[in-house]
Amino acid sequence: MKITGDYHTHTIYSHGKGTIRENVESAIKKGLREIAICDHGPRHAGFGVKRDNFRKMRNEIDVLNKEYKEINILMGVEANIISYDGEIDVNDEIIDMLDILLVGFHFGSVPKSFGDAYKMFVLNYLGRFSKGVKDKVRRLNTQAVINAINRYDIDLITHPGAKVDIDTRELAKAATKRGTALEINASHGFLTVEYLRIAMEEGVKFMINSDAHRPEDIGNVEKGIKRALEAKLSVDRIINAID
């Protein structure tokens, strides 16, 4: 199995260590056909892309696409779910600039309301100690992601299950209906093999990405490939893979 594109990479526009150009040049060296620059949404505390920088990133990527003919460079964002109604931290103006939209849960994001903050931080924490709370917040987390999928045209849900507990089967059902892929994240370890096997039964598509925060880590997806193989996931179910 070979990965043809890495669609989850970060740069200095959020908390990555390299420039867009450095990420692109690393991807070329790794033999990739495509790379997506997907820095964190603006409500990610301390790391989010400043709203004024999205246009700057779009222009930079357009220039680099003219310079590097051997690779296709996509502009994206790893948006944060900020409400349990499924709202994310990028507006229509930003979405219109994007080639790819990634969405995920992050505890570093600033929730929309006090109620959302209570569910995200307090209930998820208390769920570690109470099965009743754990089951409740699992349902809430899952519905929040499903709400986001139904509200926006999302290409990929990043590392589902890594930050908050979710019902993989219900998520996979919703993602399949909307044509949204689930990520096998080589850095976070999610989807796990167990979650992969459950999601596979619902016909959903997948991507294997590095979640690289340094240029040298672009395309380093061996751990993700290993989990896909262990789960016996066929290559045709992985959007960015070939035999």
C-alpha atoms as a PDB file:
ATOM      1  CA  MET A   1       0.000   0.000   0.000  1.00  0.00           C
ATOM      2  CA  LYS A   2       1.255   3.457  -0.928  1.00  0.00           C
ATOM      3  CA  ILE A   3      -0.115   6.850   0.080  1.00  0.00           C
ATOM      4  CA  THR A   4      -0.387   9.341  -2.785  1.00  0.00           C
ATOM      5  CA  GLY A   5      -1.302  12.462  -0.822  1.00  0.00           C
ATOM      6  CA  ASP A   6      -1.008  13.798   2.710  1.00  0.00           C
ATOM      7  CA  TYR A   7      -4.102  15.848   3.497  1.00  0.00           C
ATOM      8  CA  HIS A   8      -3.432  16.836   7.109  1.00  0.00           C
ATOM      9  CA  THR A   9      -0.304  18.951   7.603  1.00  0.00           C
ATOM     10  CA  HIS A  10       0.415  22.013   9.738  1.00  0.00           C
ATOM     11  CA  THR A  11       2.665  25.036   9.230  1.00  0.00           C
ATOM     12  CA  ILE A  12       3.881  28.099  11.095  1.00  0.00           C
ATOM     13  CA  TYR A  13       0.478  29.665  10.457  1.00  0.00           C
ATOM     14  CA  SER A  14      -0.713  27.614  13.448  1.00  0.00           C
ATOM     15  CA  HIS A  15       1.728  25.579  15.545  1.00  0.00           C
ATOM     16  CA  GLY A  16       3.700  23.765  12.888  1.00  0.00           C
ATOM     17  CA  LYS A  17       7.450  24.275  12.529  1.00  0.00           C
ATOM     18  CA  GLY A  18       7.743  24.756   8.772  1.00  0.00           C
ATOM     19  CA  THR A  19       6.504  27.128   6.105  1.00  0.00           C
ATOM     20  CA  ILE A  20       4.046  26.112   3.415  1.00  0.00           C
ATOM     21  CA  ARG A  21       6.927  25.982   0.933  1.00  0.00           C
ATOM     22  CA  GLU A  22       8.958  23.728   3.221  1.00  0.00           C
ATOM     23  CA  ASN A  23       6.007  21.352   3.623  1.00  0.00           C
ATOM     24  CA  VAL A  24       5.523  21.254  -0.148  1.00  0.00           C
ATOM     25  CA  GLU A  25       9.189  20.586  -0.866  1.00  0.00           C
ATOM     26  CA  SER A  26       9.213  17.779   1.703  1.00  0.00           C
ATOM     27  CA  ALA A  27       6.131  16.239   0.085  1.00  0.00           C
ATOM     28  CA  ILE A  28       7.834  16.322  -3.302  1.00  0.00           C
ATOM     29  CA  LYS A  29      10.881  14.563  -1.866  1.00  0.00           C
ATOM     30  CA  LYS A  30       8.584  11.878  -0.445  1.00  0.00           C
ATOM     31  CA  GLY A  31       7.064  11.336  -3.896  1.00  0.00           C
ATOM     32  CA  LEU A  32       3.574  12.579  -3.027  1.00  0.00           C
ATOM     33  CA  ARG A  33       1.191  13.795  -5.716  1.00  0.00           C
ATOM     34  CA  GLU A  34      -0.831  16.050  -3.429  1.00  0.00           C
ATOM     35  CA  ILE A  35      -0.508  17.852  -0.125  1.00  0.00           C
ATOM     36  CA  ALA A  36      -3.063  19.817   1.873  1.00  0.00           C
ATOM     37  CA  ILE A  37      -2.140  22.620   4.247  1.00  0.00           C
ATOM     38  CA  CYS A  38      -4.666  22.373   7.064  1.00  0.00           C
ATOM     39  CA  ASP A  39      -3.791  24.563   9.996  1.00  0.00           C
ATOM     40  CA  HIS A  40      -6.051  24.922  13.014  1.00  0.00           C
ATOM     41  CA  GLY A  41      -9.232  26.971  12.925  1.00  0.00           C
ATOM     42  CA  PRO A  42      -9.167  30.475  14.435  1.00  0.00           C
ATOM     43  CA  ARG A  43     -10.799  29.555  17.773  1.00  0.00           C
ATOM     44  CA  HIS A  44      -8.001  27.150  18.686  1.00  0.00           C
ATOM     45  CA  ALA A  45      -6.478  28.972  21.665  1.00  0.00           C
ATOM     46  CA  GLY A  46      -2.929  30.089  20.958  1.00  0.00           C
ATOM     47  CA  PHE A  47      -2.617  28.016  17.760  1.00  0.00           C
ATOM     48  CA  GLY A  48      -5.475  29.003  15.467  1.00  0.00           C
ATOM     49  CA  VAL A  49      -4.893  30.765  12.171  1.00  0.00           C
ATOM     50  CA  LYS A  50      -5.643  34.470  12.426  1.00  0.00           C
ATOM     51  CA  ARG A  51      -8.617  35.270  10.223  1.00  0.00           C
ATOM     52  CA  ASP A  52      -6.622  37.830   8.241  1.00  0.00           C
ATOM     53  CA  ASN A  53      -4.071  35.150   7.360  1.00  0.00           C
ATOM     54  CA  PHE A  54      -6.450  32.888   5.435  1.00  0.00           C
ATOM     55  CA  ARG A  55      -6.336  35.154   2.369  1.00  0.00           C
ATOM     56  CA  LYS A  56      -2.550  35.369   2.690  1.00  0.00           C
ATOM     57  CA  MET A  57      -2.311  31.559   2.784  1.00  0.00           C
ATOM     58  CA  ARG A  58      -4.628  31.247  -0.223  1.00  0.00           C
ATOM     59  CA  ASN A  59      -2.445  33.601  -2.259  1.00  0.00           C
ATOM     60  CA  GLU A  60       0.748  31.834  -1.192  1.00  0.00           C
ATOM     61  CA  ILE A  61      -0.627  28.437  -2.184  1.00  0.00           C
ATOM     62  CA  ASP A  62      -1.818  29.751  -5.550  1.00  0.00           C
ATOM     63  CA  VAL A  63       1.691  31.045  -6.286  1.00  0.00           C
ATOM     64  CA  LEU A  64       3.323  27.765  -5.215  1.00  0.00           C
ATOM     65  CA  ASN A  65       0.944  25.752  -7.402  1.00  0.00           C
ATOM     66  CA  LYS A  66       2.248  27.662 -10.411  1.00  0.00           C
ATOM     67  CA  GLU A  67       5.835  27.082  -9.353  1.00  0.00           C
ATOM     68  CA  TYR A  68       5.642  23.371  -8.510  1.00  0.00           C
ATOM     69  CA  LYS A  69       4.020  21.513 -11.389  1.00  0.00           C
ATOM     70  CA  GLU A  70       4.867  18.059  -9.987  1.00  0.00           C
ATOM     71  CA  ILE A  71       2.472  18.323  -7.036  1.00  0.00           C
ATOM     72  CA  ASN A  72      -1.004  19.688  -6.340  1.00  0.00           C
ATOM     73  CA  ILE A  73      -1.203  21.894  -3.247  1.00  0.00           C
ATOM     74  CA  LEU A  74      -4.557  22.223  -1.528  1.00  0.00           C
ATOM     75  CA  MET A  75      -5.567  24.869   0.959  1.00  0.00           C
ATOM     76  CA  GLY A  76      -7.598  23.571   3.865  1.00  0.00           C
ATOM     77  CA  VAL A  77      -8.219  24.062   7.538  1.00  0.00           C
ATOM     78  CA  GLU A  78      -8.617  21.737  10.490  1.00  0.00           C
ATOM     79  CA  ALA A  79     -11.698  23.457  11.859  1.00  0.00           C
ATOM     80  CA  ASN A  80     -12.816  23.000  15.447  1.00  0.00           C
ATOM     81  CA  ILE A  81     -16.254  21.891  16.578  1.00  0.00           C
ATOM     82  CA  ILE A  82     -17.266  24.704  18.920  1.00  0.00           C
ATOM     83  CA  SER A  83     -20.866  23.804  19.698  1.00  0.00           C
ATOM     84  CA  TYR A  84     -22.841  20.644  20.262  1.00  0.00           C
ATOM     85  CA  ASP A  85     -25.191  21.851  17.536  1.00  0.00           C
ATOM     86  CA  GLY A  86     -22.280  21.094  15.211  1.00  0.00           C
ATOM     87  CA  GLU A  87     -21.033  24.617  14.517  1.00  0.00           C
ATOM     88  CA  ILE A  88     -17.392  25.035  13.535  1.00  0.00           C
ATOM     89  CA  ASP A  89     -15.028  27.992  13.826  1.00  0.00           C
ATOM     90  CA  VAL A  90     -14.815  29.023  10.175  1.00  0.00           C
ATOM     91  CA  ASN A  91     -17.435  31.102   8.390  1.00  0.00           C
ATOM     92  CA  ASP A  92     -18.648  30.939   4.786  1.00  0.00           C
ATOM     93  CA  GLU A  93     -16.097  33.507   3.660  1.00  0.00           C
ATOM     94  CA  ILE A  94     -13.238  31.273   4.817  1.00  0.00           C
ATOM     95  CA  ILE A  95     -14.875  28.091   3.537  1.00  0.00           C
ATOM     96  CA  ASP A  96     -15.126  29.656   0.074  1.00  0.00           C
ATOM     97  CA  MET A  97     -11.319  29.998   0.021  1.00  0.00           C
ATOM     98  CA  LEU A  98     -10.736  26.303   0.773  1.00  0.00           C
ATOM     99  CA  ASP A  99     -10.071  23.282  -1.386  1.00  0.00           C
ATOM    100  CA  ILE A 100     -10.628  20.839   1.486  1.00  0.00           C
ATOM    101  CA  LEU A 101     -12.398  21.068   4.848  1.00  0.00           C
ATOM    102  CA  LEU A 102     -11.250  19.030   7.815  1.00  0.00           C
ATOM    103  CA  VAL A 103     -13.146  19.098  11.117  1.00  0.00           C
ATOM    104  CA  GLY A 104     -12.369  17.662  14.523  1.00  0.00           C
ATOM    105  CA  PHE A 105     -12.736  17.938  18.266  1.00  0.00           C
ATOM    106  CA  HIS A 106      -9.920  19.698  20.137  1.00  0.00           C
ATOM    107  CA  PHE A 107      -9.814  20.581  23.816  1.00  0.00           C
ATOM    108  CA  GLY A 108      -7.753  23.630  22.867  1.00  0.00           C
ATOM    109  CA  SER A 109     -10.684  25.229  21.073  1.00  0.00           C
ATOM    110  CA  VAL A 110     -12.879  27.934  22.605  1.00  0.00           C
ATOM    111  CA  PRO A 111     -16.497  26.695  22.741  1.00  0.00           C
ATOM    112  CA  LYS A 112     -19.333  28.906  21.543  1.00  0.00           C
ATOM    113  CA  SER A 113     -21.215  29.025  24.854  1.00  0.00           C
ATOM    114  CA  PHE A 114     -20.955  28.159  28.524  1.00  0.00           C
ATOM    115  CA  GLY A 115     -23.208  25.160  27.940  1.00  0.00           C
ATOM    116  CA  ASP A 116     -20.965  23.883  25.173  1.00  0.00           C
ATOM    117  CA  ALA A 117     -17.916  24.398  27.399  1.00  0.00           C
ATOM    118  CA  TYR A 118     -19.595  22.435  30.196  1.00  0.00           C
ATOM    119  CA  LYS A 119     -20.282  19.492  27.898  1.00  0.00           C
ATOM    120  CA  MET A 120     -16.876  19.564  26.246  1.00  0.00           C
ATOM    121  CA  PHE A 121     -14.665  20.026  29.284  1.00  0.00           C
ATOM    122  CA  VAL A 122     -16.608  19.114  32.427  1.00  0.00           C
ATOM    123  CA  LEU A 123     -18.709  16.176  31.229  1.00  0.00           C
ATOM    124  CA  ASN A 124     -15.876  14.620  29.243  1.00  0.00           C
ATOM    125  CA  TYR A 125     -13.676  14.876  32.341  1.00  0.00           C
ATOM    126  CA  LEU A 126     -16.326  13.459  34.696  1.00  0.00           C
ATOM    127  CA  GLY A 127     -16.930  10.637  32.249  1.00  0.00           C
ATOM    128  CA  ARG A 128     -13.607   9.171  33.306  1.00  0.00           C
ATOM    129  CA  PHE A 129     -15.071   8.398  36.712  1.00  0.00           C
ATOM    130  CA  SER A 130     -18.742   7.615  36.032  1.00  0.00           C
ATOM    131  CA  LYS A 131     -20.109   5.157  33.491  1.00  0.00           C
ATOM    132  CA  GLY A 132     -23.422   6.993  33.417  1.00  0.00           C
ATOM    133  CA  VAL A 133     -21.756  10.292  32.575  1.00  0.00           C
ATOM    134  CA  LYS A 134     -19.426   8.556  30.123  1.00  0.00           C
ATOM    135  CA  ASP A 135     -22.353   7.054  28.225  1.00  0.00           C
ATOM    136  CA  LYS A 136     -24.191  10.393  28.189  1.00  0.00           C
ATOM    137  CA  VAL A 137     -21.260  12.461  26.958  1.00  0.00           C
ATOM    138  CA  ARG A 138     -20.398   9.806  24.370  1.00  0.00           C
ATOM    139  CA  ARG A 139     -23.854  10.291  22.859  1.00  0.00           C
ATOM    140  CA  LEU A 140     -23.475  14.060  23.000  1.00  0.00           C
ATOM    141  CA  ASN A 141     -20.011  13.990  21.388  1.00  0.00           C
ATOM    142  CA  THR A 142     -21.190  11.694  18.626  1.00  0.00           C
ATOM    143  CA  GLN A 143     -24.247  13.816  17.879  1.00  0.00           C
ATOM    144  CA  ALA A 144     -22.109  16.964  17.780  1.00  0.00           C
ATOM    145  CA  VAL A 145     -19.918  15.497  15.036  1.00  0.00           C
ATOM    146  CA  ILE A 146     -22.961  14.180  13.159  1.00  0.00           C
ATOM    147  CA  ASN A 147     -24.557  17.632  13.418  1.00  0.00           C
ATOM    148  CA  ALA A 148     -21.417  19.159  11.911  1.00  0.00           C
ATOM    149  CA  ILE A 149     -21.417  16.618   9.071  1.00  0.00           C
ATOM    150  CA  ASN A 150     -25.035  17.439   8.271  1.00  0.00           C
ATOM    151  CA  ARG A 151     -24.483  21.197   8.551  1.00  0.00           C
ATOM    152  CA  TYR A 152     -21.345  21.535   6.382  1.00  0.00           C
ATOM    153  CA  ASP A 153     -19.763  19.857   3.347  1.00  0.00           C
ATOM    154  CA  ILE A 154     -16.937  18.254   5.314  1.00  0.00           C
ATOM    155  CA  ASP A 155     -14.310  16.234   3.486  1.00  0.00           C
ATOM    156  CA  LEU A 156     -12.711  14.602   6.520  1.00  0.00           C
ATOM    157  CA  ILE A 157     -13.302  14.099  10.247  1.00  0.00           C
ATOM    158  CA  THR A 158      -9.872  14.186  11.872  1.00  0.00           C
ATOM    159  CA  HIS A 159      -8.704  11.541  14.362  1.00  0.00           C
ATOM    160  CA  PRO A 160     -12.240  10.534  15.476  1.00  0.00           C
ATOM    161  CA  GLY A 161     -12.115   9.202  19.015  1.00  0.00           C
ATOM    162  CA  ALA A 162      -8.738  10.692  19.877  1.00  0.00           C
ATOM    163  CA  LYS A 163      -9.923  13.681  21.903  1.00  0.00           C
ATOM    164  CA  VAL A 164     -13.437  12.729  22.973  1.00  0.00           C
ATOM    165  CA  ASP A 165     -15.237   9.407  23.138  1.00  0.00           C
ATOM    166  CA  ILE A 166     -17.574   8.725  20.214  1.00  0.00           C
ATOM    167  CA  ASP A 167     -19.860   6.029  18.851  1.00  0.00           C
ATOM    168  CA  THR A 168     -17.902   4.986  15.788  1.00  0.00           C
ATOM    169  CA  ARG A 169     -20.746   3.115  14.139  1.00  0.00           C
ATOM    170  CA  GLU A 170     -23.194   6.016  14.327  1.00  0.00           C
ATOM    171  CA  LEU A 171     -20.538   8.434  13.111  1.00  0.00           C
ATOM    172  CA  ALA A 172     -19.641   6.157  10.203  1.00  0.00           C
ATOM    173  CA  LYS A 173     -23.302   5.854   9.172  1.00  0.00           C
ATOM    174  CA  ALA A 174     -23.707   9.625   9.050  1.00  0.00           C
ATOM    175  CA  ALA A 175     -20.392  10.124   7.268  1.00  0.00           C
ATOM    176  CA  THR A 176     -21.297   7.557   4.613  1.00  0.00           C
ATOM    177  CA  LYS A 177     -24.568   9.336   3.827  1.00  0.00           C
ATOM    178  CA  ARG A 178     -22.802  12.679   3.392  1.00  0.00           C
ATOM    179  CA  GLY A 179     -19.679  11.424   1.603  1.00  0.00           C
ATOM    180  CA  THR A 180     -17.413  12.452   4.478  1.00  0.00           C
ATOM    181  CA  ALA A 181     -14.276  10.397   5.113  1.00  0.00           C
ATOM    182  CA  LEU A 182     -12.867   9.347   8.475  1.00  0.00           C
ATOM    183  CA  GLU A 183      -9.187   9.795   9.214  1.00  0.00           C
ATOM    184  CA  ILE A 184      -6.661   7.137  10.116  1.00  0.00           C
ATOM    185  CA  ASN A 185      -4.243   9.506  11.811  1.00  0.00           C
ATOM    186  CA  ALA A 186      -0.675   8.202  11.917  1.00  0.00           C
ATOM    187  CA  SER A 187       0.267  10.506  14.804  1.00  0.00           C
ATOM    188  CA  HIS A 188      -2.684  10.129  17.178  1.00  0.00           C
ATOM    189  CA  GLY A 189      -3.398   6.413  16.808  1.00  0.00           C
ATOM    190  CA  PHE A 190      -7.037   6.998  15.833  1.00  0.00           C
ATOM    191  CA  LEU A 191      -8.950   5.509  14.268  1.00  0.00           C
ATOM    192  CA  THR A 192      -7.856   2.462  16.256  1.00  0.00           C
ATOM    193  CA  VAL A 193      -7.979  -0.985  14.701  1.00  0.00           C
ATOM    194  CA  GLU A 194     -11.119  -1.712  16.728  1.00  0.00           C
ATOM    195  CA  TYR A 195     -12.838   1.477  15.561  1.00  0.00           C
ATOM    196  CA  LEU A 196     -11.715   0.831  11.991  1.00  0.00           C
ATOM    197  CA  ARG A 197     -13.331  -2.587  11.938  1.00  0.00           C
ATOM    198  CA  ILE A 198     -16.607  -1.114  13.168  1.00  0.00           C
ATOM    199  CA  ALA A 199     -16.578   1.802  10.715  1.00  0.00           C
ATOM    200  CA  MET A 200     -15.707  -0.477   7.794  1.00  0.00           C
ATOM    201  CA  GLU A 201     -19.049  -2.247   8.187  1.00  0.00           C
ATOM    202  CA  GLU A 202     -20.916   0.983   7.382  1.00  0.00           C
ATOM    203  CA  GLY A 203     -19.325   1.588   3.967  1.00  0.00           C
ATOM    204  CA  VAL A 204     -17.502   4.782   4.911  1.00  0.00           C
ATOM    205  CA  LYS A 205     -14.336   5.945   3.133  1.00  0.00           C
ATOM    206  CA  PHE A 206     -11.039   6.684   4.866  1.00  0.00           C
ATOM    207  CA  MET A 207      -7.870   8.760   4.524  1.00  0.00           C
ATOM    208  CA  ILE A 208      -4.489   7.995   6.048  1.00  0.00           C
ATOM    209  CA  ASN A 209      -2.647  11.183   7.010  1.00  0.00           C
ATOM    210  CA  SER A 210       0.464  12.184   8.939  1.00  0.00           C
ATOM    211  CA  ASP A 211      -0.872  15.175  10.912  1.00  0.00           C
ATOM    212  CA  ALA A 212       2.675  16.458  10.441  1.00  0.00           C
ATOM    213  CA  HIS A 213       3.810  19.464  12.434  1.00  0.00           C
ATOM    214  CA  ARG A 214       7.325  19.429  10.954  1.00  0.00           C
ATOM    215  CA  PRO A 215       8.239  19.302   7.254  1.00  0.00           C
ATOM    216  CA  GLU A 216      10.294  16.140   7.750  1.00  0.00           C
ATOM    217  CA  ASP A 217       7.199  14.318   9.024  1.00  0.00           C
ATOM    218  CA  ILE A 218       5.164  14.927   5.871  1.00  0.00           C
ATOM    219  CA  GLY A 219       4.124  11.572   4.449  1.00  0.00           C
ATOM    220  CA  ASN A 220       5.192   9.601   7.519  1.00  0.00           C
ATOM    221  CA  VAL A 221       2.103   7.418   7.657  1.00  0.00           C
ATOM    222  CA  GLU A 222       3.530   3.971   8.342  1.00  0.00           C
ATOM    223  CA  LYS A 223       1.661   3.596  11.640  1.00  0.00           C
ATOM    224  CA  GLY A 224      -1.599   4.427   9.897  1.00  0.00           C
ATOM    225  CA  ILE A 225      -0.944   1.923   7.121  1.00  0.00           C
ATOM    226  CA  LYS A 226      -0.112  -0.725   9.722  1.00  0.00           C
ATOM    227  CA  ARG A 227      -3.492  -0.254  11.432  1.00  0.00           C
ATOM    228  CA  ALA A 228      -5.338  -0.346   8.103  1.00  0.00           C
ATOM    229  CA  LEU A 229      -3.627  -3.604   7.179  1.00  0.00           C
ATOM    230  CA  GLU A 230      -4.311  -5.100  10.605  1.00  0.00           C
ATOM    231  CA  ALA A 231      -7.991  -4.228  10.235  1.00  0.00           C
ATOM    232  CA  LYS A 232      -7.924  -5.798   6.735  1.00  0.00           C
ATOM    233  CA  LEU A 233      -9.154  -2.570   5.173  1.00  0.00           C
ATOM    234  CA  SER A 234      -9.072  -2.793   1.376  1.00  0.00           C
ATOM    235  CA  VAL A 235      -7.124  -0.156  -0.537  1.00  0.00           C
ATOM    236  CA  ASP A 236     -10.170   0.925  -2.528  1.00  0.00           C
ATOM    237  CA  ARG A 237     -11.756   2.194   0.689  1.00  0.00           C
ATOM    238  CA  ILE A 238      -8.836   4.566   1.295  1.00  0.00           C
ATOM    239  CA  ILE A 239      -9.127   7.750  -0.767  1.00  0.00           C
ATOM    240  CA  ASN A 240      -5.406   8.526  -0.856  1.00  0.00           C
ATOM    241  CA  ALA A 241      -3.964   5.021  -1.252  1.00  0.00           C
ATOM    242  CA  ILE A 242      -2.971   2.736  -4.106  1.00  0.00           C
ATOM    243  CA  ASP A 243      -1.577  -0.813  -4.211  1.00  0.00           C
END
